[in-house]
């Protein structure tokens, strides 16, 4: 994978998380939600869950690696992007595109 800025990586992880969230453990989901959706710091999550910042960091890294691995194998995000480009080229109504994506994903 090519080098991304922090913001690009954050957005990419959020896309992958949306696609593959259900493949993570409940604890990984809990930590990912707090960090990526609610924008809490490692310290804040550590205080809430009563576990070390290192444990939070390890869980985040493990979950991110899982997301990257799922995308490498399943390519759902890549397929989603390609389909989106194709639909854009066809100048389809946004409502129709949304229905297509909702049905597929």
PDB file of N, CA and C in Angstrom:
ATOM      1  N   UNK A   1       0.845  -1.183   0.000  1.00  0.00           N
ATOM      2  CA  UNK A   1       0.000   0.000   0.000  1.00  0.00           C
ATOM      3  C   UNK A   1       0.887   1.241   0.000  1.00  0.00           C
ATOM      4  N   UNK A   2       0.492   2.256  -0.787  1.00  0.00           N
ATOM      5  CA  UNK A   2       1.302   3.462  -0.857  1.00  0.00           C
ATOM      6  C   UNK A   2       1.164   4.293   0.409  1.00  0.00           C
ATOM      7  N   UNK A   3       2.124   5.160   0.625  1.00  0.00           N
ATOM      8  CA  UNK A   3       2.159   6.000   1.826  1.00  0.00           C
ATOM      9  C   UNK A   3       1.026   7.020   1.781  1.00  0.00           C
ATOM     10  N   UNK A   4       0.278   7.105   2.874  1.00  0.00           N
ATOM     11  CA  UNK A   4      -0.841   8.036   2.979  1.00  0.00           C
ATOM     12  C   UNK A   4      -0.552   9.061   4.050  1.00  0.00           C
ATOM     13  N   UNK A   5      -1.180  10.210   3.929  1.00  0.00           N
ATOM     14  CA  UNK A   5      -1.118  11.185   5.005  1.00  0.00           C
ATOM     15  C   UNK A   5      -1.948  10.644   6.172  1.00  0.00           C
ATOM     16  N   UNK A   6      -1.792  11.253   7.324  1.00  0.00           N
ATOM     17  CA  UNK A   6      -2.557  10.810   8.498  1.00  0.00           C
ATOM     18  C   UNK A   6      -4.071  10.912   8.254  1.00  0.00           C
ATOM     19  N   UNK A   7      -4.479  11.977   7.593  1.00  0.00           N
ATOM     20  CA  UNK A   7      -5.905  12.171   7.326  1.00  0.00           C
ATOM     21  C   UNK A   7      -6.403  11.130   6.329  1.00  0.00           C
ATOM     22  N   UNK A   8      -5.631  10.871   5.281  1.00  0.00           N
ATOM     23  CA  UNK A   8      -6.014   9.855   4.297  1.00  0.00           C
ATOM     24  C   UNK A   8      -6.107   8.484   4.953  1.00  0.00           C
ATOM     25  N   UNK A   9      -5.139   8.175   5.813  1.00  0.00           N
ATOM     26  CA  UNK A   9      -5.168   6.883   6.502  1.00  0.00           C
ATOM     27  C   UNK A   9      -6.387   6.783   7.413  1.00  0.00           C
ATOM     28  N   UNK A  10      -6.681   7.864   8.135  1.00  0.00           N
ATOM     29  CA  UNK A  10      -7.834   7.903   9.032  1.00  0.00           C
ATOM     30  C   UNK A  10      -9.125   7.637   8.240  1.00  0.00           C
ATOM     31  N   UNK A  11      -9.274   8.303   7.091  1.00  0.00           N
ATOM     32  CA  UNK A  11     -10.461   8.123   6.257  1.00  0.00           C
ATOM     33  C   UNK A  11     -10.532   6.706   5.695  1.00  0.00           C
ATOM     34  N   UNK A  12      -9.384   6.181   5.266  1.00  0.00           N
ATOM     35  CA  UNK A  12      -9.326   4.832   4.715  1.00  0.00           C
ATOM     36  C   UNK A  12      -9.712   3.798   5.766  1.00  0.00           C
ATOM     37  N   UNK A  13      -9.183   3.948   6.964  1.00  0.00           N
ATOM     38  CA  UNK A  13      -9.513   3.021   8.050  1.00  0.00           C
ATOM     39  C   UNK A  13     -11.005   3.091   8.368  1.00  0.00           C
ATOM     40  N   UNK A  14     -11.561   4.287   8.362  1.00  0.00           N
ATOM     41  CA  UNK A  14     -13.001   4.421   8.608  1.00  0.00           C
ATOM     42  C   UNK A  14     -13.826   3.716   7.544  1.00  0.00           C
ATOM     43  N   UNK A  15     -13.400   3.801   6.283  1.00  0.00           N
ATOM     44  CA  UNK A  15     -14.104   3.089   5.209  1.00  0.00           C
ATOM     45  C   UNK A  15     -14.022   1.580   5.421  1.00  0.00           C
ATOM     46  N   UNK A  16     -12.816   1.114   5.712  1.00  0.00           N
ATOM     47  CA  UNK A  16     -12.648  -0.323   5.945  1.00  0.00           C
ATOM     48  C   UNK A  16     -13.440  -0.769   7.163  1.00  0.00           C
ATOM     49  N   UNK A  17     -13.442   0.053   8.197  1.00  0.00           N
ATOM     50  CA  UNK A  17     -14.168  -0.279   9.424  1.00  0.00           C
ATOM     51  C   UNK A  17     -15.661  -0.424   9.141  1.00  0.00           C
ATOM     52  N   UNK A  18     -16.185   0.473   8.332  1.00  0.00           N
ATOM     53  CA  UNK A  18     -17.605   0.403   7.973  1.00  0.00           C
ATOM     54  C   UNK A  18     -17.924  -0.908   7.245  1.00  0.00           C
ATOM     55  N   UNK A  19     -17.013  -1.341   6.381  1.00  0.00           N
ATOM     56  CA  UNK A  19     -17.232  -2.559   5.608  1.00  0.00           C
ATOM     57  C   UNK A  19     -17.022  -3.834   6.417  1.00  0.00           C
ATOM     58  N   UNK A  20     -16.002  -3.836   7.284  1.00  0.00           N
ATOM     59  CA  UNK A  20     -15.570  -5.080   7.929  1.00  0.00           C
ATOM     60  C   UNK A  20     -15.772  -5.115   9.447  1.00  0.00           C
ATOM     61  N   UNK A  21     -16.455  -4.151   9.977  1.00  0.00           N
ATOM     62  CA  UNK A  21     -16.637  -4.039  11.433  1.00  0.00           C
ATOM     63  C   UNK A  21     -17.110  -5.345  12.070  1.00  0.00           C
ATOM     64  N   UNK A  22     -18.040  -6.009  11.433  1.00  0.00           N
ATOM     65  CA  UNK A  22     -18.621  -7.219  12.014  1.00  0.00           C
ATOM     66  C   UNK A  22     -17.659  -8.392  12.073  1.00  0.00           C
ATOM     67  N   UNK A  23     -16.492  -8.258  11.465  1.00  0.00           N
ATOM     68  CA  UNK A  23     -15.487  -9.320  11.512  1.00  0.00           C
ATOM     69  C   UNK A  23     -14.510  -9.138  12.678  1.00  0.00           C
ATOM     70  N   UNK A  24     -14.606  -8.011  13.362  1.00  0.00           N
ATOM     71  CA  UNK A  24     -13.740  -7.747  14.511  1.00  0.00           C
ATOM     72  C   UNK A  24     -14.370  -8.287  15.786  1.00  0.00           C
ATOM     73  N   UNK A  25     -13.552  -8.418  16.825  1.00  0.00           N
ATOM     74  CA  UNK A  25     -14.063  -8.868  18.121  1.00  0.00           C
ATOM     75  C   UNK A  25     -14.866  -7.741  18.770  1.00  0.00           C
ATOM     76  N   UNK A  26     -15.754  -8.068  19.697  1.00  0.00           N
ATOM     77  CA  UNK A  26     -16.518  -7.024  20.391  1.00  0.00           C
ATOM     78  C   UNK A  26     -15.603  -5.989  21.073  1.00  0.00           C
ATOM     79  N   UNK A  27     -14.493  -6.424  21.650  1.00  0.00           N
ATOM     80  CA  UNK A  27     -13.573  -5.501  22.314  1.00  0.00           C
ATOM     81  C   UNK A  27     -12.906  -4.573  21.295  1.00  0.00           C
ATOM     82  N   UNK A  28     -12.515  -5.118  20.147  1.00  0.00           N
ATOM     83  CA  UNK A  28     -11.918  -4.286  19.103  1.00  0.00           C
ATOM     84  C   UNK A  28     -12.926  -3.255  18.597  1.00  0.00           C
ATOM     85  N   UNK A  29     -14.162  -3.670  18.435  1.00  0.00           N
ATOM     86  CA  UNK A  29     -15.221  -2.746  17.996  1.00  0.00           C
ATOM     87  C   UNK A  29     -15.397  -1.633  19.011  1.00  0.00           C
ATOM     88  N   UNK A  30     -15.442  -2.001  20.274  1.00  0.00           N
ATOM     89  CA  UNK A  30     -15.614  -1.012  21.342  1.00  0.00           C
ATOM     90  C   UNK A  30     -14.481   0.023  21.306  1.00  0.00           C
ATOM     91  N   UNK A  31     -13.256  -0.437  21.172  1.00  0.00           N
ATOM     92  CA  UNK A  31     -12.096   0.462  21.167  1.00  0.00           C
ATOM     93  C   UNK A  31     -12.051   1.277  19.870  1.00  0.00           C
ATOM     94  N   UNK A  32     -12.311   0.636  18.743  1.00  0.00           N
ATOM     95  CA  UNK A  32     -12.315   1.351  17.459  1.00  0.00           C
ATOM     96  C   UNK A  32     -13.396   2.437  17.451  1.00  0.00           C
ATOM     97  N   UNK A  33     -14.576   2.122  17.963  1.00  0.00           N
ATOM     98  CA  UNK A  33     -15.645   3.122  18.040  1.00  0.00           C
ATOM     99  C   UNK A  33     -15.205   4.332  18.851  1.00  0.00           C
ATOM    100  N   UNK A  34     -14.630   4.063  19.997  1.00  0.00           N
ATOM    101  CA  UNK A  34     -14.223   5.173  20.868  1.00  0.00           C
ATOM    102  C   UNK A  34     -13.126   6.024  20.222  1.00  0.00           C
ATOM    103  N   UNK A  35     -12.210   5.383  19.533  1.00  0.00           N
ATOM    104  CA  UNK A  35     -11.080   6.108  18.940  1.00  0.00           C
ATOM    105  C   UNK A  35     -11.451   6.767  17.611  1.00  0.00           C
ATOM    106  N   UNK A  36     -12.064   6.024  16.710  1.00  0.00           N
ATOM    107  CA  UNK A  36     -12.317   6.532  15.369  1.00  0.00           C
ATOM    108  C   UNK A  36     -13.656   7.245  15.207  1.00  0.00           C
ATOM    109  N   UNK A  37     -14.689   6.816  15.908  1.00  0.00           N
ATOM    110  CA  UNK A  37     -15.990   7.458  15.765  1.00  0.00           C
ATOM    111  C   UNK A  37     -16.190   8.607  16.748  1.00  0.00           C
ATOM    112  N   UNK A  38     -15.735   8.390  18.000  1.00  0.00           N
ATOM    113  CA  UNK A  38     -15.947   9.408  19.028  1.00  0.00           C
ATOM    114  C   UNK A  38     -14.709  10.260  19.280  1.00  0.00           C
ATOM    115  N   UNK A  39     -13.616   9.943  18.563  1.00  0.00           N
ATOM    116  CA  UNK A  39     -12.389  10.738  18.606  1.00  0.00           C
ATOM    117  C   UNK A  39     -11.811  10.893  20.017  1.00  0.00           C
ATOM    118  N   UNK A  40     -11.911   9.828  20.815  1.00  0.00           N
ATOM    119  CA  UNK A  40     -11.319   9.859  22.153  1.00  0.00           C
ATOM    120  C   UNK A  40      -9.833   9.520  22.060  1.00  0.00           C
ATOM    121  N   UNK A  41      -9.050  10.058  22.972  1.00  0.00           N
ATOM    122  CA  UNK A  41      -7.618   9.765  23.008  1.00  0.00           C
ATOM    123  C   UNK A  41      -7.380   8.400  23.649  1.00  0.00           C
ATOM    124  N   UNK A  42      -6.164   7.898  23.496  1.00  0.00           N
ATOM    125  CA  UNK A  42      -5.805   6.631  24.142  1.00  0.00           C
ATOM    126  C   UNK A  42      -5.990   6.727  25.647  1.00  0.00           C
ATOM    127  N   UNK A  43      -5.613   7.862  26.221  1.00  0.00           N
ATOM    128  CA  UNK A  43      -5.756   8.059  27.673  1.00  0.00           C
ATOM    129  C   UNK A  43      -7.223   8.033  28.102  1.00  0.00           C
ATOM    130  N   UNK A  44      -8.070   8.693  27.320  1.00  0.00           N
ATOM    131  CA  UNK A  44      -9.492   8.720  27.661  1.00  0.00           C
ATOM    132  C   UNK A  44     -10.096   7.314  27.579  1.00  0.00           C
ATOM    133  N   UNK A  45      -9.749   6.583  26.543  1.00  0.00           N
ATOM    134  CA  UNK A  45     -10.259   5.214  26.405  1.00  0.00           C
ATOM    135  C   UNK A  45      -9.728   4.343  27.534  1.00  0.00           C
ATOM    136  N   UNK A  46      -8.464   4.526  27.854  1.00  0.00           N
ATOM    137  CA  UNK A  46      -7.835   3.783  28.941  1.00  0.00           C
ATOM    138  C   UNK A  46      -8.577   4.016  30.259  1.00  0.00           C
ATOM    139  N   UNK A  47      -8.915   5.264  30.536  1.00  0.00           N
ATOM    140  CA  UNK A  47      -9.641   5.596  31.768  1.00  0.00           C
ATOM    141  C   UNK A  47     -11.038   4.967  31.780  1.00  0.00           C
ATOM    142  N   UNK A  48     -11.711   5.004  30.650  1.00  0.00           N
ATOM    143  CA  UNK A  48     -13.076   4.468  30.563  1.00  0.00           C
ATOM    144  C   UNK A  48     -13.079   2.949  30.742  1.00  0.00           C
ATOM    145  N   UNK A  49     -12.136   2.277  30.075  1.00  0.00           N
ATOM    146  CA  UNK A  49     -12.132   0.813  30.072  1.00  0.00           C
ATOM    147  C   UNK A  49     -11.262   0.197  31.170  1.00  0.00           C
ATOM    148  N   UNK A  50     -10.545   1.051  31.875  1.00  0.00           N
ATOM    149  CA  UNK A  50      -9.682   0.599  32.970  1.00  0.00           C
ATOM    150  C   UNK A  50      -8.629  -0.403  32.504  1.00  0.00           C
ATOM    151  N   UNK A  51      -8.030  -0.096  31.349  1.00  0.00           N
ATOM    152  CA  UNK A  51      -6.893  -0.877  30.859  1.00  0.00           C
ATOM    153  C   UNK A  51      -5.814   0.096  30.397  1.00  0.00           C
ATOM    154  N   UNK A  52      -4.610  -0.384  30.267  1.00  0.00           N
ATOM    155  CA  UNK A  52      -3.484   0.502  29.969  1.00  0.00           C
ATOM    156  C   UNK A  52      -3.575   1.109  28.569  1.00  0.00           C
ATOM    157  N   UNK A  53      -2.904   2.242  28.407  1.00  0.00           N
ATOM    158  CA  UNK A  53      -2.827   2.873  27.091  1.00  0.00           C
ATOM    159  C   UNK A  53      -2.144   1.939  26.097  1.00  0.00           C
ATOM    160  N   UNK A  54      -1.159   1.190  26.576  1.00  0.00           N
ATOM    161  CA  UNK A  54      -0.464   0.245  25.706  1.00  0.00           C
ATOM    162  C   UNK A  54      -1.433  -0.815  25.192  1.00  0.00           C
ATOM    163  N   UNK A  55      -2.307  -1.294  26.068  1.00  0.00           N
ATOM    164  CA  UNK A  55      -3.294  -2.299  25.655  1.00  0.00           C
ATOM    165  C   UNK A  55      -4.259  -1.710  24.621  1.00  0.00           C
ATOM    166  N   UNK A  56      -4.626  -0.453  24.799  1.00  0.00           N
ATOM    167  CA  UNK A  56      -5.499   0.232  23.840  1.00  0.00           C
ATOM    168  C   UNK A  56      -4.786   0.351  22.497  1.00  0.00           C
ATOM    169  N   UNK A  57      -3.555   0.795  22.538  1.00  0.00           N
ATOM    170  CA  UNK A  57      -2.767   0.950  21.315  1.00  0.00           C
ATOM    171  C   UNK A  57      -2.593  -0.384  20.596  1.00  0.00           C
ATOM    172  N   UNK A  58      -2.287  -1.426  21.347  1.00  0.00           N
ATOM    173  CA  UNK A  58      -2.133  -2.757  20.759  1.00  0.00           C
ATOM    174  C   UNK A  58      -3.431  -3.233  20.109  1.00  0.00           C
ATOM    175  N   UNK A  59      -4.550  -3.007  20.777  1.00  0.00           N
ATOM    176  CA  UNK A  59      -5.847  -3.420  20.241  1.00  0.00           C
ATOM    177  C   UNK A  59      -6.181  -2.657  18.963  1.00  0.00           C
ATOM    178  N   UNK A  60      -5.890  -1.361  18.947  1.00  0.00           N
ATOM    179  CA  UNK A  60      -6.129  -0.557  17.748  1.00  0.00           C
ATOM    180  C   UNK A  60      -5.265  -1.042  16.585  1.00  0.00           C
ATOM    181  N   UNK A  61      -3.993  -1.279  16.867  1.00  0.00           N
ATOM    182  CA  UNK A  61      -3.083  -1.740  15.808  1.00  0.00           C
ATOM    183  C   UNK A  61      -3.496  -3.105  15.282  1.00  0.00           C
ATOM    184  N   UNK A  62      -3.899  -3.978  16.175  1.00  0.00           N
ATOM    185  CA  UNK A  62      -4.335  -5.310  15.765  1.00  0.00           C
ATOM    186  C   UNK A  62      -5.604  -5.208  14.910  1.00  0.00           C
ATOM    187  N   UNK A  63      -6.544  -4.391  15.337  1.00  0.00           N
ATOM    188  CA  UNK A  63      -7.793  -4.220  14.588  1.00  0.00           C
ATOM    189  C   UNK A  63      -7.509  -3.614  13.211  1.00  0.00           C
ATOM    190  N   UNK A  64      -6.656  -2.599  13.153  1.00  0.00           N
ATOM    191  CA  UNK A  64      -6.303  -1.985  11.865  1.00  0.00           C
ATOM    192  C   UNK A  64      -5.651  -3.003  10.944  1.00  0.00           C
ATOM    193  N   UNK A  65      -4.727  -3.786  11.483  1.00  0.00           N
ATOM    194  CA  UNK A  65      -4.078  -4.817  10.669  1.00  0.00           C
ATOM    195  C   UNK A  65      -5.091  -5.826  10.139  1.00  0.00           C
ATOM    196  N   UNK A  66      -6.064  -6.179  10.981  1.00  0.00           N
ATOM    197  CA  UNK A  66      -7.133  -7.080  10.535  1.00  0.00           C
ATOM    198  C   UNK A  66      -7.925  -6.450   9.387  1.00  0.00           C
ATOM    199  N   UNK A  67      -8.254  -5.161   9.514  1.00  0.00           N
ATOM    200  CA  UNK A  67      -9.006  -4.480   8.466  1.00  0.00           C
ATOM    201  C   UNK A  67      -8.233  -4.471   7.150  1.00  0.00           C
ATOM    202  N   UNK A  68      -6.938  -4.178   7.231  1.00  0.00           N
ATOM    203  CA  UNK A  68      -6.101  -4.173   6.024  1.00  0.00           C
ATOM    204  C   UNK A  68      -6.045  -5.573   5.410  1.00  0.00           C
ATOM    205  N   UNK A  69      -5.945  -6.577   6.251  1.00  0.00           N
ATOM    206  CA  UNK A  69      -5.888  -7.958   5.773  1.00  0.00           C
ATOM    207  C   UNK A  69      -7.202  -8.359   5.102  1.00  0.00           C
ATOM    208  N   UNK A  70      -8.334  -7.981   5.705  1.00  0.00           N
ATOM    209  CA  UNK A  70      -9.633  -8.284   5.112  1.00  0.00           C
ATOM    210  C   UNK A  70      -9.755  -7.623   3.740  1.00  0.00           C
ATOM    211  N   UNK A  71      -9.325  -6.371   3.641  1.00  0.00           N
ATOM    212  CA  UNK A  71      -9.405  -5.670   2.364  1.00  0.00           C
ATOM    213  C   UNK A  71      -8.479  -6.316   1.335  1.00  0.00           C
ATOM    214  N   UNK A  72      -7.296  -6.733   1.762  1.00  0.00           N
ATOM    215  CA  UNK A  72      -6.370  -7.412   0.847  1.00  0.00           C
ATOM    216  C   UNK A  72      -6.993  -8.671   0.262  1.00  0.00           C
ATOM    217  N   UNK A  73      -7.759  -9.380   1.077  1.00  0.00           N
ATOM    218  CA  UNK A  73      -8.350 -10.637   0.632  1.00  0.00           C
ATOM    219  C   UNK A  73      -9.678 -10.450  -0.094  1.00  0.00           C
ATOM    220  N   UNK A  74     -10.527  -9.589   0.419  1.00  0.00           N
ATOM    221  CA  UNK A  74     -11.886  -9.465  -0.103  1.00  0.00           C
ATOM    222  C   UNK A  74     -12.076  -8.315  -1.101  1.00  0.00           C
ATOM    223  N   UNK A  75     -11.278  -7.280  -0.964  1.00  0.00           N
ATOM    224  CA  UNK A  75     -11.289  -6.139  -1.900  1.00  0.00           C
ATOM    225  C   UNK A  75     -12.648  -5.432  -1.998  1.00  0.00           C
ATOM    226  N   UNK A  76     -13.420  -5.425  -0.931  1.00  0.00           N
ATOM    227  CA  UNK A  76     -14.732  -4.783  -0.983  1.00  0.00           C
ATOM    228  C   UNK A  76     -14.637  -3.280  -1.187  1.00  0.00           C
ATOM    229  N   UNK A  77     -13.693  -2.631  -0.529  1.00  0.00           N
ATOM    230  CA  UNK A  77     -13.529  -1.192  -0.688  1.00  0.00           C
ATOM    231  C   UNK A  77     -13.091  -0.857  -2.114  1.00  0.00           C
ATOM    232  N   UNK A  78     -12.181  -1.652  -2.640  1.00  0.00           N
ATOM    233  CA  UNK A  78     -11.722  -1.449  -4.017  1.00  0.00           C
ATOM    234  C   UNK A  78     -12.890  -1.616  -5.000  1.00  0.00           C
ATOM    235  N   UNK A  79     -13.678  -2.656  -4.804  1.00  0.00           N
ATOM    236  CA  UNK A  79     -14.834  -2.894  -5.675  1.00  0.00           C
ATOM    237  C   UNK A  79     -15.860  -1.763  -5.544  1.00  0.00           C
ATOM    238  N   UNK A  80     -16.076  -1.302  -4.334  1.00  0.00           N
ATOM    239  CA  UNK A  80     -16.999  -0.199  -4.076  1.00  0.00           C
ATOM    240  C   UNK A  80     -16.537   1.045  -4.829  1.00  0.00           C
ATOM    241  N   UNK A  81     -15.248   1.352  -4.744  1.00  0.00           N
ATOM    242  CA  UNK A  81     -14.697   2.535  -5.428  1.00  0.00           C
ATOM    243  C   UNK A  81     -14.823   2.405  -6.937  1.00  0.00           C
ATOM    244  N   UNK A  82     -14.510   1.233  -7.460  1.00  0.00           N
ATOM    245  CA  UNK A  82     -14.611   1.009  -8.902  1.00  0.00           C
ATOM    246  C   UNK A  82     -16.053   1.136  -9.386  1.00  0.00           C
ATOM    247  N   UNK A  83     -16.968   0.569  -8.635  1.00  0.00           N
ATOM    248  CA  UNK A  83     -18.380   0.665  -8.991  1.00  0.00           C
ATOM    249  C   UNK A  83     -18.845   2.117  -8.939  1.00  0.00           C
ATOM    250  N   UNK A  84     -18.419   2.835  -7.947  1.00  0.00           N
ATOM    251  CA  UNK A  84     -18.786   4.240  -7.808  1.00  0.00           C
ATOM    252  C   UNK A  84     -18.302   5.042  -9.023  1.00  0.00           C
ATOM    253  N   UNK A  85     -17.085   4.779  -9.481  1.00  0.00           N
ATOM    254  CA  UNK A  85     -16.555   5.452 -10.673  1.00  0.00           C
ATOM    255  C   UNK A  85     -17.385   5.117 -11.902  1.00  0.00           C
ATOM    256  N   UNK A  86     -17.721   3.851 -12.043  1.00  0.00           N
ATOM    257  CA  UNK A  86     -18.547   3.438 -13.188  1.00  0.00           C
ATOM    258  C   UNK A  86     -19.910   4.123 -13.182  1.00  0.00           C
ATOM    259  N   UNK A  87     -20.518   4.176 -12.018  1.00  0.00           N
ATOM    260  CA  UNK A  87     -21.829   4.810 -11.915  1.00  0.00           C
ATOM    261  C   UNK A  87     -21.741   6.314 -12.158  1.00  0.00           C
ATOM    262  N   UNK A  88     -20.653   6.922 -11.737  1.00  0.00           N
ATOM    263  CA  UNK A  88     -20.444   8.351 -12.007  1.00  0.00           C
ATOM    264  C   UNK A  88     -20.342   8.605 -13.508  1.00  0.00           C
ATOM    265  N   UNK A  89     -19.648   7.719 -14.196  1.00  0.00           N
ATOM    266  CA  UNK A  89     -19.488   7.856 -15.645  1.00  0.00           C
ATOM    267  C   UNK A  89     -20.826   7.744 -16.373  1.00  0.00           C
ATOM    268  N   UNK A  90     -21.747   7.014 -15.794  1.00  0.00           N
ATOM    269  CA  UNK A  90     -23.063   6.825 -16.405  1.00  0.00           C
ATOM    270  C   UNK A  90     -24.028   7.957 -16.059  1.00  0.00           C
ATOM    271  N   UNK A  91     -23.567   8.882 -15.245  1.00  0.00           N
ATOM    272  CA  UNK A  91     -24.381  10.041 -14.838  1.00  0.00           C
ATOM    273  C   UNK A  91     -25.733   9.639 -14.235  1.00  0.00           C
ATOM    274  N   UNK A  92     -25.690   8.624 -13.403  1.00  0.00           N
ATOM    275  CA  UNK A  92     -26.912   8.179 -12.738  1.00  0.00           C
ATOM    276  C   UNK A  92     -27.304   9.156 -11.636  1.00  0.00           C
ATOM    277  N   UNK A  93     -28.572   9.225 -11.402  1.00  0.00           N
ATOM    278  CA  UNK A  93     -29.114  10.031 -10.322  1.00  0.00           C
ATOM    279  C   UNK A  93     -28.535   9.541  -8.993  1.00  0.00           C
ATOM    280  N   UNK A  94     -28.230  10.449  -8.096  1.00  0.00           N
ATOM    281  CA  UNK A  94     -27.640  10.096  -6.794  1.00  0.00           C
ATOM    282  C   UNK A  94     -28.550   9.158  -6.002  1.00  0.00           C
ATOM    283  N   UNK A  95     -29.836   9.341  -6.124  1.00  0.00           N
ATOM    284  CA  UNK A  95     -30.789   8.491  -5.409  1.00  0.00           C
ATOM    285  C   UNK A  95     -30.703   7.044  -5.914  1.00  0.00           C
ATOM    286  N   UNK A  96     -30.557   6.882  -7.205  1.00  0.00           N
ATOM    287  CA  UNK A  96     -30.427   5.543  -7.790  1.00  0.00           C
ATOM    288  C   UNK A  96     -29.115   4.911  -7.351  1.00  0.00           C
ATOM    289  N   UNK A  97     -28.033   5.697  -7.392  1.00  0.00           N
ATOM    290  CA  UNK A  97     -26.741   5.187  -6.933  1.00  0.00           C
ATOM    291  C   UNK A  97     -26.818   4.732  -5.486  1.00  0.00           C
ATOM    292  N   UNK A  98     -27.464   5.532  -4.664  1.00  0.00           N
ATOM    293  CA  UNK A  98     -27.593   5.197  -3.245  1.00  0.00           C
ATOM    294  C   UNK A  98     -28.357   3.883  -3.058  1.00  0.00           C
ATOM    295  N   UNK A  99     -29.418   3.680  -3.832  1.00  0.00           N
ATOM    296  CA  UNK A  99     -30.182   2.436  -3.760  1.00  0.00           C
ATOM    297  C   UNK A  99     -29.332   1.245  -4.167  1.00  0.00           C
ATOM    298  N   UNK A 100     -28.513   1.417  -5.199  1.00  0.00           N
ATOM    299  CA  UNK A 100     -27.638   0.338  -5.668  1.00  0.00           C
ATOM    300  C   UNK A 100     -26.651  -0.037  -4.574  1.00  0.00           C
ATOM    301  N   UNK A 101     -26.001   0.964  -4.008  1.00  0.00           N
ATOM    302  CA  UNK A 101     -25.004   0.697  -2.965  1.00  0.00           C
ATOM    303  C   UNK A 101     -25.630   0.116  -1.708  1.00  0.00           C
ATOM    304  N   UNK A 102     -26.802   0.602  -1.376  1.00  0.00           N
ATOM    305  CA  UNK A 102     -27.489   0.092  -0.183  1.00  0.00           C
ATOM    306  C   UNK A 102     -27.799  -1.394  -0.348  1.00  0.00           C
ATOM    307  N   UNK A 103     -28.210  -1.756  -1.549  1.00  0.00           N
ATOM    308  CA  UNK A 103     -28.535  -3.157  -1.830  1.00  0.00           C
ATOM    309  C   UNK A 103     -27.291  -4.040  -1.832  1.00  0.00           C
ATOM    310  N   UNK A 104     -26.204  -3.523  -2.379  1.00  0.00           N
ATOM    311  CA  UNK A 104     -24.974  -4.312  -2.488  1.00  0.00           C
ATOM    312  C   UNK A 104     -24.188  -4.372  -1.188  1.00  0.00           C
ATOM    313  N   UNK A 105     -24.178  -3.288  -0.452  1.00  0.00           N
ATOM    314  CA  UNK A 105     -23.329  -3.221   0.744  1.00  0.00           C
ATOM    315  C   UNK A 105     -24.176  -3.020   1.978  1.00  0.00           C
TER     316      UNK A 105
END
